[in-house]
Amino acid sequence: MTQLSSERRTAEAIARLAGRHILRERAERLDVSLKAPDDVVTNVDKSTERLIVDRLRDAFPDDTIAGEEFGESHRADNADGDRTWLIDPIDGTLNFSHGIPLFCVSIALQVDGETVVAVIYDPNRDEMFSASQNGGAHLDGVPISVSSLDDASAAVLVTGFPLKRSAPFEATLDQFELLTRTCRGIRRLGSAAIDLAYVAAGRMEAFWEYSLKPWDTAAGILLVEEAGGQVTTVDGGPFDVHAPSILATNGVLHDELLELLQSVSGC
């Protein structure tokens, strides 16, 4: 077993454990609060992140761990390479807090800023999406690939809107209108990680969004790329987890969608 296979399997096990914890805790007690004017957080987000961090620290004590709720943990001075785990304990917290069963656990390992292991687990459907660099993308252990559709008029896309009413928010509204008229349909699921996993699995042809955080996209980008897709910014530049926008597609439609999005970007 290679090192990446070992770490992928460890991340899968932790994500599955976290998923069970989320469903159990929600049934027992759910407290919802605001961490920003338009951004909710729950007690379960926090307890789930602690669970994931504790398990990762036990397995990989020399690694950095960065999570949505509690920031970054320490890294041992003698660690080899820049290894950082990026975790979102519940991607889709607003859905979760309203009882909408569209949320997931997202865990990614980056080495020197590049994602090499990715896990996205949907506890409601018991679906485990995972990938390792040069090892392909999988759903419940079965290889997956992006859609081969080459007709934008028949494509189904997915997006999300920035929390703040801003230039990217207005751009997304304009793009949503244009692509609704151009493509077969657009969905807004409320979880960027699930959006990216669905593109990787061929369920959607493309996903775009602005103003995401590193833990929102770190796992999903590797899934899409290992499934044969393409990921850039909406401007067409190279994507990294700190970029201001993302476009992930099946690759075939990438240039056409870039042109459409840029025609009304306003950013």
Protein backbone atom coordinates (compact mmCIF):
# COMPACT_ATOMS: atom_id res chain seq x y z
CA MET A 1 0.00 0.00 0.00
CA THR A 2 1.41 3.39 -0.97
CA GLN A 3 1.55 6.26 1.46
CA LEU A 4 -1.24 8.12 -0.34
CA SER A 5 -3.44 5.01 -0.33
CA SER A 6 -2.91 4.68 3.40
CA GLU A 7 -3.76 8.30 4.04
CA ARG A 8 -6.78 8.21 1.74
CA ARG A 9 -8.15 5.20 3.60
CA THR A 10 -7.52 6.88 6.94
CA ALA A 11 -9.34 10.02 5.77
CA GLU A 12 -12.24 7.90 4.51
CA ALA A 13 -12.56 6.18 7.88
CA ILE A 14 -12.46 9.49 9.75
CA ALA A 15 -15.04 11.05 7.41
CA ARG A 16 -17.39 8.11 7.89
CA LEU A 17 -16.99 8.35 11.67
CA ALA A 18 -17.66 12.09 11.48
CA GLY A 19 -20.76 11.49 9.38
CA ARG A 20 -22.24 9.13 11.95
CA HIS A 21 -21.45 11.68 14.66
CA ILE A 22 -23.23 14.45 12.71
CA LEU A 23 -26.44 12.47 12.27
CA ARG A 24 -26.47 11.30 15.88
CA GLU A 25 -25.76 14.74 17.33
CA ARG A 26 -28.37 16.43 15.18
CA ALA A 27 -31.01 14.03 16.48
CA GLU A 28 -30.01 14.70 20.08
CA ARG A 29 -29.34 18.45 20.23
CA LEU A 30 -28.89 21.20 17.66
CA ASP A 31 -27.89 24.75 18.61
CA VAL A 32 -27.65 27.28 15.78
CA SER A 33 -25.86 30.62 16.02
CA LEU A 34 -24.37 33.27 13.73
CA LYS A 35 -20.62 33.55 13.24
CA ALA A 36 -21.18 36.37 10.70
CA PRO A 37 -24.32 38.28 9.69
CA ASP A 38 -25.19 35.80 6.91
CA ASP A 39 -23.23 32.75 8.07
CA VAL A 40 -24.62 30.18 10.51
CA VAL A 41 -22.73 27.67 12.62
CA THR A 42 -23.97 24.89 14.89
CA ASN A 43 -22.68 23.05 17.91
CA VAL A 44 -22.38 19.99 15.67
CA ASP A 45 -20.01 21.78 13.26
CA LYS A 46 -17.72 22.47 16.20
CA SER A 47 -17.87 19.04 17.82
CA THR A 48 -17.39 17.34 14.46
CA GLU A 49 -14.33 19.42 13.66
CA ARG A 50 -12.83 18.52 17.05
CA LEU A 51 -13.46 14.83 16.32
CA ILE A 52 -11.78 15.04 12.89
CA VAL A 53 -8.82 17.04 14.19
CA ASP A 54 -8.25 14.62 17.08
CA ARG A 55 -8.28 11.59 14.75
CA LEU A 56 -5.99 13.25 12.20
CA ARG A 57 -3.59 14.36 14.91
CA ASP A 58 -3.45 10.81 16.27
CA ALA A 59 -2.71 9.42 12.80
CA PHE A 60 -0.42 12.17 11.49
CA PRO A 61 1.02 14.07 14.47
CA ASP A 62 3.54 16.04 12.38
CA ASP A 63 0.99 17.55 9.98
CA THR A 64 -0.72 20.93 10.03
CA ILE A 65 -4.51 20.78 10.32
CA ALA A 66 -6.65 23.73 9.21
CA GLY A 67 -10.40 23.69 9.76
CA GLU A 68 -13.28 26.05 9.13
CA GLU A 69 -14.32 26.52 12.76
CA PHE A 70 -11.10 26.58 14.80
CA GLY A 71 -8.40 27.62 12.35
CA GLU A 72 -4.97 26.00 12.18
CA SER A 73 -3.25 23.62 14.58
CA HIS A 74 0.49 23.55 15.27
CA ARG A 75 2.92 21.61 13.13
CA ALA A 76 6.00 19.83 14.45
CA ASP A 77 9.28 21.63 13.70
CA ASN A 78 10.88 18.46 12.34
CA ALA A 79 8.06 17.57 9.93
CA ASP A 80 9.06 16.70 6.36
CA GLY A 81 7.43 18.81 3.64
CA ASP A 82 4.54 21.24 3.91
CA ARG A 83 1.66 18.87 4.66
CA THR A 84 -1.67 20.45 5.56
CA TRP A 85 -5.06 18.84 6.09
CA LEU A 86 -7.95 21.13 5.14
CA ILE A 87 -11.25 20.11 6.71
CA ASP A 88 -14.83 21.29 6.54
CA PRO A 89 -16.76 19.34 9.17
CA ILE A 90 -20.14 20.17 7.64
CA ASP A 91 -20.10 21.72 4.20
CA GLY A 92 -23.68 22.91 3.77
CA THR A 93 -24.34 24.04 7.34
CA LEU A 94 -27.37 26.12 6.36
CA ASN A 95 -28.96 23.05 4.79
CA PHE A 96 -28.02 21.01 7.85
CA SER A 97 -29.48 23.55 10.29
CA HIS A 98 -32.81 23.51 8.41
CA GLY A 99 -33.06 19.74 8.17
CA ILE A 100 -32.28 19.66 4.44
CA PRO A 101 -30.29 16.46 3.74
CA LEU A 102 -27.67 18.06 1.49
CA PHE A 103 -24.41 18.43 3.40
CA CYS A 104 -21.15 16.55 3.70
CA VAL A 105 -17.81 16.09 5.41
CA SER A 106 -14.83 17.31 3.36
CA ILE A 107 -11.22 16.34 4.12
CA ALA A 108 -8.20 17.07 1.92
CA LEU A 109 -4.45 16.65 2.32
CA GLN A 110 -2.27 19.19 0.58
CA VAL A 111 1.48 18.85 0.12
CA ASP A 112 3.29 22.06 -0.77
CA GLY A 113 -0.06 23.65 -1.60
CA GLU A 114 -1.27 20.90 -3.93
CA THR A 115 -4.11 18.52 -3.02
CA VAL A 116 -2.93 14.91 -3.05
CA VAL A 117 -5.73 13.18 -1.10
CA ALA A 118 -9.43 14.06 -1.16
CA VAL A 119 -12.46 12.68 0.65
CA ILE A 120 -16.05 13.96 0.51
CA TYR A 121 -18.59 11.95 2.47
CA ASP A 122 -22.36 12.42 2.30
CA PRO A 123 -23.77 10.74 5.42
CA ASN A 124 -27.38 11.06 4.28
CA ARG A 125 -26.80 8.91 1.18
CA ASP A 126 -23.81 7.03 2.62
CA GLU A 127 -21.77 8.08 -0.44
CA MET A 128 -17.98 8.21 -0.15
CA PHE A 129 -16.20 10.17 -2.87
CA SER A 130 -12.42 9.89 -2.70
CA ALA A 131 -9.31 10.44 -4.77
CA SER A 132 -5.55 10.38 -4.53
CA GLN A 133 -3.12 12.09 -6.84
CA ASN A 134 -2.59 9.97 -9.98
CA GLY A 135 -4.84 7.32 -8.45
CA GLY A 136 -8.17 8.25 -10.02
CA ALA A 137 -11.45 9.31 -8.46
CA HIS A 138 -13.88 6.88 -6.86
CA LEU A 139 -17.40 6.66 -5.43
CA ASP A 140 -17.69 3.91 -2.84
CA GLY A 141 -14.56 2.33 -4.31
CA VAL A 142 -15.82 2.31 -7.91
CA PRO A 143 -14.00 4.55 -10.45
CA ILE A 144 -15.93 7.59 -11.62
CA SER A 145 -15.46 10.00 -14.50
CA VAL A 146 -16.85 13.32 -15.60
CA SER A 147 -19.66 13.64 -18.13
CA SER A 148 -18.75 13.40 -21.82
CA LEU A 149 -21.54 15.78 -22.87
CA ASP A 150 -20.32 18.31 -25.46
CA ASP A 151 -23.55 20.27 -25.99
CA ALA A 152 -23.96 23.23 -23.63
CA SER A 153 -27.66 23.49 -24.40
CA ALA A 154 -28.15 20.04 -22.83
CA ALA A 155 -25.85 20.65 -19.85
CA VAL A 156 -26.90 20.78 -16.20
CA LEU A 157 -24.81 23.17 -14.11
CA VAL A 158 -24.61 23.94 -10.42
CA THR A 159 -23.59 27.09 -8.57
CA GLY A 160 -23.75 28.96 -5.29
CA PHE A 161 -23.96 32.60 -4.28
CA PRO A 162 -21.51 34.59 -2.13
CA LEU A 163 -22.76 35.40 1.34
CA LYS A 164 -22.11 39.12 1.02
CA ARG A 165 -24.09 41.28 -1.39
CA SER A 166 -21.15 42.35 -3.52
CA ALA A 167 -19.83 42.52 -7.08
CA PRO A 168 -19.38 38.72 -7.19
CA PHE A 169 -22.95 38.29 -5.92
CA GLU A 170 -24.30 40.52 -8.67
CA ALA A 171 -22.12 38.77 -11.25
CA THR A 172 -23.48 35.40 -10.19
CA LEU A 173 -27.06 36.65 -10.60
CA ASP A 174 -26.29 37.85 -14.13
CA GLN A 175 -24.48 34.62 -14.99
CA PHE A 176 -27.30 32.55 -13.54
CA GLU A 177 -29.79 34.31 -15.80
CA LEU A 178 -27.63 33.92 -18.92
CA LEU A 179 -26.81 30.25 -18.33
CA THR A 180 -30.41 29.44 -17.42
CA ARG A 181 -31.32 30.65 -20.88
CA THR A 182 -28.36 28.83 -22.47
CA CYS A 183 -28.22 25.45 -20.72
CA ARG A 184 -30.76 22.80 -19.82
CA GLY A 185 -30.82 23.68 -16.16
CA ILE A 186 -28.96 25.08 -13.15
CA ARG A 187 -29.11 23.76 -9.61
CA ARG A 188 -28.14 25.40 -6.32
CA LEU A 189 -27.50 22.66 -3.78
CA GLY A 190 -25.90 24.66 -0.96
CA SER A 191 -22.66 22.67 -0.64
CA ALA A 192 -19.65 23.45 -2.83
CA ALA A 193 -18.00 20.16 -1.91
CA ILE A 194 -21.03 18.15 -3.06
CA ASP A 195 -21.24 20.30 -6.19
CA LEU A 196 -17.66 19.38 -7.10
CA ALA A 197 -18.19 15.72 -6.25
CA TYR A 198 -21.22 15.63 -8.54
CA VAL A 199 -19.22 17.14 -11.41
CA ALA A 200 -16.56 14.46 -10.84
CA ALA A 201 -19.23 11.75 -10.92
CA GLY A 202 -20.78 13.05 -14.14
CA ARG A 203 -24.03 14.10 -12.48
CA MET A 204 -23.44 17.73 -13.44
CA GLU A 205 -21.43 19.14 -16.33
CA ALA A 206 -20.01 22.14 -14.48
CA PHE A 207 -19.84 24.15 -11.26
CA TRP A 208 -18.86 27.78 -10.75
CA GLU A 209 -18.81 30.05 -7.73
CA TYR A 210 -17.04 33.08 -6.19
CA SER A 211 -15.61 33.83 -2.75
CA LEU A 212 -15.14 30.29 -1.46
CA LYS A 213 -12.72 29.27 1.30
CA PRO A 214 -9.85 26.77 0.94
CA TRP A 215 -11.66 23.99 2.83
CA ASP A 216 -14.69 24.38 0.51
CA THR A 217 -12.76 23.37 -2.60
CA ALA A 218 -9.55 21.57 -1.57
CA ALA A 219 -11.01 18.06 -1.81
CA GLY A 220 -13.38 18.64 -4.70
CA ILE A 221 -10.78 19.99 -7.12
CA LEU A 222 -8.73 16.80 -6.95
CA LEU A 223 -11.86 14.69 -7.44
CA VAL A 224 -12.75 16.61 -10.62
CA GLU A 225 -9.23 16.50 -12.02
CA GLU A 226 -8.73 12.80 -11.26
CA ALA A 227 -12.12 12.10 -12.87
CA GLY A 228 -10.90 13.73 -16.09
CA GLY A 229 -12.32 17.21 -15.65
CA GLN A 230 -10.81 20.68 -15.70
CA VAL A 231 -10.59 23.34 -12.99
CA THR A 232 -9.66 27.02 -13.44
CA THR A 233 -10.79 30.37 -12.14
CA VAL A 234 -13.73 32.04 -13.86
CA ASP A 235 -11.13 34.25 -15.55
CA GLY A 236 -9.51 31.14 -17.01
CA GLY A 237 -6.38 31.29 -14.87
CA PRO A 238 -4.80 28.51 -12.81
CA PHE A 239 -6.85 27.58 -9.76
CA ASP A 240 -5.63 27.21 -6.21
CA VAL A 241 -7.68 27.10 -3.02
CA HIS A 242 -7.09 30.80 -2.34
CA ALA A 243 -8.39 31.93 -5.75
CA PRO A 244 -11.39 34.31 -5.78
CA SER A 245 -13.45 32.11 -8.11
CA ILE A 246 -13.71 28.59 -9.49
CA LEU A 247 -14.99 26.91 -12.63
CA ALA A 248 -14.92 23.10 -12.64
CA THR A 249 -16.20 21.31 -15.73
CA ASN A 250 -16.12 18.07 -17.66
CA GLY A 251 -13.37 19.67 -19.73
CA VAL A 252 -15.24 19.44 -23.03
CA LEU A 253 -17.42 22.44 -22.24
CA HIS A 254 -14.80 24.42 -20.34
CA ASP A 255 -13.83 27.02 -22.94
CA GLU A 256 -17.43 27.64 -23.98
CA LEU A 257 -18.56 28.14 -20.39
CA LEU A 258 -15.60 30.39 -19.66
CA GLU A 259 -16.62 32.62 -22.54
CA LEU A 260 -20.24 32.77 -21.37
CA LEU A 261 -19.33 33.49 -17.74
CA GLN A 262 -16.81 36.16 -18.66
CA SER A 263 -19.31 37.90 -20.93
CA VAL A 264 -21.29 38.96 -17.86
CA SER A 265 -18.73 38.60 -15.05
CA GLY A 266 -18.74 42.22 -13.85
CA CYS A 267 -15.80 41.37 -11.55
